[in-house]
Amino acid sequence: MRFFLHKAIRTAEFLEYGLKNRKTSIKDVIESIGIPHTEAGSIIHHGKQVGFGFYAQQGLHFRIEAIKPPLDVFSSSLLRPEPLTEIKFIVDLNAGRLAKLLRMAGMDTAYDPEFSDLDIAEKACNEKRILLTRDTNLLKRKHLEFAKYVKSIHPEDQLREVVEFFDLGRFLKPLTRCSMCNGLLEKTEKKDIVHRLQPKTILYYENFLICSSCDRIYWSGSHLEGIMGLLKKSGI
């Protein structure tokens, strides 16, 4: 959690926050010192857990604990009372290559470089998607519940980080989604698409998949081997 604190207070053992006789929610307090509410696993006051709406007043003491992975998004908690029924992601522009890898791994992942921060926050809330980003300000959007700050820089490391944090092993179905549009891939007969194939592809390959959304064609060529190599490199 100290990672998110402002540099001037990052090494302090205890932090004091002056309220000057005013009341404010503990959620607002922790975000004002740099910690997105989406990164908090529990808030402890006098040995008991409290919610984001608990009023902080001068003289009260709190302990903010980070989420302990793996995060079970299917179980309710005081800070996240409405669990998810399925795992779906949305990724913003600064982690765009992660979106492609998640799709390769078979995870439903919304991504569009044209999405604004407001678009992303609304889609995350309305479609019950988990937000993945490296933008701490985006994580502080009011109605977000499930989200994660992606610490890793390289896409393959980011994928491994997300898989481990949400314990995604049993949900991964590589090569079932289009890496470009997120649509589902379906088997297709070669004879039905032969007019769209290059001569060498017709000669050397027999098994094909087609995206149900954008109509992109996939086959077991060198590019598919490259995809599997990337997933294996990420520990999948």
Protein backbone atom coordinates (compact mmCIF):
# COMPACT_ATOMS: atom_id res chain seq x y z
CA MET A 1 0.00 0.00 0.00
CA ARG A 2 2.91 2.35 0.64
CA PHE A 3 3.55 2.29 -3.08
CA PHE A 4 0.55 4.60 -3.55
CA LEU A 5 1.40 7.09 -0.81
CA HIS A 6 2.75 10.48 -1.73
CA LYS A 7 6.55 10.35 -1.65
CA ALA A 8 6.82 12.77 1.26
CA ILE A 9 4.95 10.38 3.58
CA ARG A 10 5.81 6.99 2.09
CA THR A 11 8.32 6.01 4.80
CA ALA A 12 6.31 7.20 7.81
CA GLU A 13 5.27 4.50 10.30
CA PHE A 14 2.07 6.37 11.21
CA LEU A 15 0.24 9.05 9.26
CA GLU A 16 -1.72 11.92 10.74
CA TYR A 17 -4.53 13.48 8.78
CA GLY A 18 -5.90 16.82 9.97
CA LEU A 19 -9.67 17.11 9.74
CA LYS A 20 -10.04 20.35 11.70
CA ASN A 21 -13.37 19.39 13.29
CA ARG A 22 -14.98 18.33 10.03
CA LYS A 23 -16.34 14.88 9.19
CA THR A 24 -15.47 13.01 6.02
CA SER A 25 -15.63 9.40 4.89
CA ILE A 26 -12.61 7.18 5.43
CA LYS A 27 -12.73 6.49 1.67
CA ASP A 28 -12.06 10.16 0.96
CA VAL A 29 -9.26 10.22 3.51
CA ILE A 30 -7.35 7.26 2.10
CA GLU A 31 -7.69 8.55 -1.45
CA SER A 32 -6.51 12.01 -0.43
CA ILE A 33 -3.20 10.49 0.71
CA GLY A 34 -2.80 8.64 -2.59
CA ILE A 35 -4.36 5.19 -2.09
CA PRO A 36 -7.15 4.28 -4.56
CA HIS A 37 -10.13 2.77 -2.72
CA THR A 38 -10.02 -0.17 -5.15
CA GLU A 39 -6.68 -1.24 -3.63
CA ALA A 40 -7.99 -1.47 -0.05
CA GLY A 41 -8.74 -4.96 1.21
CA SER A 42 -10.01 -3.95 4.63
CA ILE A 43 -10.25 -0.90 6.90
CA ILE A 44 -9.80 -1.60 10.61
CA HIS A 45 -11.00 0.69 13.42
CA HIS A 46 -10.73 -0.47 17.04
CA GLY A 47 -10.20 -4.05 15.90
CA LYS A 48 -13.32 -4.11 13.71
CA GLN A 49 -13.75 -3.77 9.97
CA VAL A 50 -15.59 -0.68 8.72
CA GLY A 51 -16.89 0.30 5.30
CA PHE A 52 -15.88 3.10 2.97
CA GLY A 53 -18.72 5.27 4.23
CA PHE A 54 -17.53 5.24 7.86
CA TYR A 55 -16.96 8.80 9.06
CA ALA A 56 -13.42 9.69 10.03
CA GLN A 57 -13.15 12.23 12.82
CA GLN A 58 -10.26 13.91 14.57
CA GLY A 59 -8.62 11.54 17.05
CA LEU A 60 -9.77 8.27 15.46
CA HIS A 61 -7.24 5.65 14.35
CA PHE A 62 -7.50 3.37 11.31
CA ARG A 63 -5.41 0.64 9.72
CA ILE A 64 -5.72 0.22 5.96
CA GLU A 65 -4.84 -3.25 4.70
CA ALA A 66 -4.13 -4.19 1.11
CA ILE A 67 -6.03 -6.89 -0.76
CA LYS A 68 -4.45 -10.27 -0.09
CA PRO A 69 -4.29 -12.25 -3.33
CA PRO A 70 -5.82 -14.22 -4.73
CA LEU A 71 -8.89 -12.00 -4.68
CA ASP A 72 -12.14 -13.99 -4.70
CA VAL A 73 -14.48 -11.79 -6.72
CA PHE A 74 -17.34 -14.26 -6.24
CA SER A 75 -17.59 -13.66 -2.49
CA SER A 76 -19.03 -10.54 -0.85
CA SER A 77 -17.09 -8.45 1.65
CA LEU A 78 -17.73 -5.28 3.61
CA LEU A 79 -15.91 -3.14 1.04
CA ARG A 80 -17.31 -5.07 -1.94
CA PRO A 81 -20.78 -6.27 -0.90
CA GLU A 82 -21.95 -7.21 -4.41
CA PRO A 83 -19.82 -10.10 -5.76
CA LEU A 84 -19.36 -10.77 -9.44
CA THR A 85 -21.03 -13.71 -11.17
CA GLU A 86 -18.36 -14.03 -13.87
CA ILE A 87 -14.91 -12.65 -14.60
CA LYS A 88 -14.71 -10.03 -17.32
CA PHE A 89 -12.12 -7.32 -17.72
CA ILE A 90 -11.80 -3.85 -19.16
CA VAL A 91 -8.36 -2.40 -19.87
CA ASP A 92 -7.41 1.21 -20.52
CA LEU A 93 -4.98 2.62 -23.07
CA ASN A 94 -1.89 2.47 -20.88
CA ALA A 95 -2.16 -1.32 -20.64
CA GLY A 96 -3.50 -2.00 -24.11
CA ARG A 97 -1.15 -4.86 -24.97
CA LEU A 98 -2.32 -6.67 -21.84
CA ALA A 99 -5.85 -6.67 -23.29
CA LYS A 100 -4.63 -8.55 -26.35
CA LEU A 101 -2.87 -11.17 -24.24
CA LEU A 102 -5.92 -11.67 -22.00
CA ARG A 103 -8.04 -12.25 -25.09
CA MET A 104 -5.48 -14.75 -26.38
CA ALA A 105 -5.83 -16.54 -23.05
CA GLY A 106 -9.61 -16.68 -23.56
CA MET A 107 -10.68 -13.97 -21.13
CA ASP A 108 -13.54 -11.62 -22.03
CA THR A 109 -11.68 -8.29 -22.22
CA ALA A 110 -13.11 -4.96 -23.36
CA TYR A 111 -10.61 -2.51 -24.82
CA ASP A 112 -10.77 0.39 -27.24
CA PRO A 113 -8.07 3.08 -27.49
CA GLU A 114 -10.85 5.60 -28.09
CA PHE A 115 -12.49 4.97 -24.70
CA SER A 116 -12.35 7.98 -22.38
CA ASP A 117 -11.81 7.51 -18.64
CA LEU A 118 -15.53 8.14 -18.16
CA ASP A 119 -16.39 5.49 -20.79
CA ILE A 120 -14.15 2.98 -19.05
CA ALA A 121 -15.53 3.66 -15.58
CA GLU A 122 -19.13 3.45 -16.80
CA LYS A 123 -18.56 0.22 -18.73
CA ALA A 124 -16.77 -1.31 -15.75
CA CYS A 125 -19.75 -0.51 -13.52
CA ASN A 126 -22.58 -1.22 -15.95
CA GLU A 127 -21.12 -4.44 -17.38
CA LYS A 128 -19.61 -5.66 -14.08
CA ARG A 129 -16.09 -5.73 -15.47
CA ILE A 130 -12.83 -5.66 -13.53
CA LEU A 131 -10.77 -2.62 -14.46
CA LEU A 132 -7.05 -3.10 -15.11
CA THR A 133 -4.93 0.03 -15.39
CA ARG A 134 -1.71 1.81 -14.46
CA ASP A 135 -3.59 5.08 -13.91
CA THR A 136 -4.18 5.65 -10.18
CA ASN A 137 -6.55 8.54 -10.84
CA LEU A 138 -8.81 6.29 -12.90
CA LEU A 139 -8.93 3.83 -10.00
CA LYS A 140 -10.40 6.56 -7.80
CA ARG A 141 -13.58 6.87 -9.87
CA LYS A 142 -16.46 6.89 -7.42
CA HIS A 143 -18.50 3.79 -8.31
CA LEU A 144 -15.69 1.36 -9.15
CA GLU A 145 -15.64 -1.76 -6.98
CA PHE A 146 -13.40 -4.33 -8.65
CA ALA A 147 -10.21 -2.99 -10.16
CA LYS A 148 -6.46 -3.49 -9.99
CA TYR A 149 -3.43 -1.31 -10.47
CA VAL A 150 -1.09 -3.25 -12.77
CA LYS A 151 2.41 -2.87 -11.37
CA SER A 152 4.39 -4.71 -14.04
CA ILE A 153 5.70 -2.86 -17.09
CA HIS A 154 6.03 -5.62 -19.69
CA PRO A 155 2.80 -7.14 -21.09
CA GLU A 156 3.85 -10.76 -20.44
CA ASP A 157 4.62 -9.91 -16.81
CA GLN A 158 1.33 -8.02 -16.54
CA LEU A 159 -0.56 -11.09 -17.73
CA ARG A 160 1.16 -13.29 -15.15
CA GLU A 161 0.42 -10.70 -12.45
CA VAL A 162 -3.29 -10.60 -13.29
CA VAL A 163 -3.61 -14.39 -13.60
CA GLU A 164 -2.05 -14.88 -10.16
CA PHE A 165 -3.92 -12.01 -8.46
CA PHE A 166 -7.35 -13.27 -9.54
CA ASP A 167 -6.42 -16.98 -9.60
CA LEU A 168 -7.55 -17.31 -13.21
CA GLY A 169 -6.07 -20.72 -13.96
CA ARG A 170 -9.38 -22.58 -14.19
CA PHE A 171 -10.97 -19.85 -16.34
CA LEU A 172 -8.34 -19.68 -19.08
CA LYS A 173 -9.33 -21.04 -22.50
CA PRO A 174 -6.53 -20.05 -24.90
CA LEU A 175 -7.42 -19.34 -28.50
CA THR A 176 -11.17 -19.09 -28.02
CA ARG A 177 -11.38 -15.30 -28.48
CA CYS A 178 -10.30 -12.94 -31.21
CA SER A 179 -7.26 -10.99 -30.05
CA MET A 180 -8.37 -7.98 -32.10
CA CYS A 181 -12.05 -7.53 -31.21
CA ASN A 182 -12.76 -9.94 -28.29
CA GLY A 183 -15.31 -11.92 -30.31
CA LEU A 184 -15.64 -15.69 -29.86
CA LEU A 185 -13.80 -17.97 -32.30
CA GLU A 186 -15.68 -20.74 -34.05
CA LYS A 187 -14.49 -23.65 -36.16
CA THR A 188 -15.10 -23.21 -39.86
CA GLU A 189 -14.79 -25.45 -42.86
CA LYS A 190 -11.90 -24.72 -45.20
CA LYS A 191 -14.20 -24.97 -48.22
CA ASP A 192 -16.32 -22.11 -46.86
CA ILE A 193 -13.42 -19.67 -46.66
CA VAL A 194 -11.04 -20.98 -49.32
CA HIS A 195 -11.74 -17.94 -51.50
CA ARG A 196 -10.29 -15.72 -48.78
CA LEU A 197 -7.05 -17.63 -48.30
CA GLN A 198 -3.62 -17.17 -49.85
CA PRO A 199 -2.36 -20.01 -52.10
CA LYS A 200 0.28 -21.25 -49.61
CA THR A 201 -2.26 -21.19 -46.76
CA ILE A 202 -4.62 -23.30 -48.87
CA LEU A 203 -1.82 -25.73 -49.60
CA TYR A 204 -0.42 -26.22 -46.10
CA TYR A 205 -3.31 -25.77 -43.61
CA GLU A 206 -6.59 -27.57 -43.03
CA ASN A 207 -7.98 -26.38 -39.69
CA PHE A 208 -9.38 -22.88 -39.32
CA LEU A 209 -11.19 -20.69 -36.83
CA ILE A 210 -13.22 -17.59 -37.62
CA CYS A 211 -14.27 -14.72 -35.38
CA SER A 212 -18.02 -14.54 -34.91
CA SER A 213 -17.81 -10.75 -34.60
CA CYS A 214 -15.22 -9.34 -37.00
CA ASP A 215 -14.88 -12.34 -39.37
CA ARG A 216 -11.10 -12.53 -38.96
CA ILE A 217 -9.66 -15.95 -39.86
CA TYR A 218 -7.17 -17.87 -37.70
CA TRP A 219 -5.20 -21.00 -38.51
CA SER A 220 -2.36 -23.06 -37.04
CA GLY A 221 0.45 -21.14 -38.66
CA SER A 222 3.57 -19.50 -37.29
CA HIS A 223 1.53 -16.64 -35.82
CA LEU A 224 -0.49 -19.12 -33.76
CA GLU A 225 2.71 -20.71 -32.50
CA GLY A 226 3.86 -17.21 -31.53
CA ILE A 227 0.68 -16.65 -29.53
CA MET A 228 1.11 -19.93 -27.65
CA GLY A 229 4.74 -19.02 -27.01
CA LEU A 230 3.72 -15.73 -25.44
CA LEU A 231 1.17 -17.43 -23.19
CA LYS A 232 3.71 -20.06 -22.15
CA LYS A 233 6.23 -17.30 -21.39
CA SER A 234 3.60 -15.76 -19.10
CA GLY A 235 3.24 -19.03 -17.22
CA ILE A 236 0.00 -20.15 -18.86
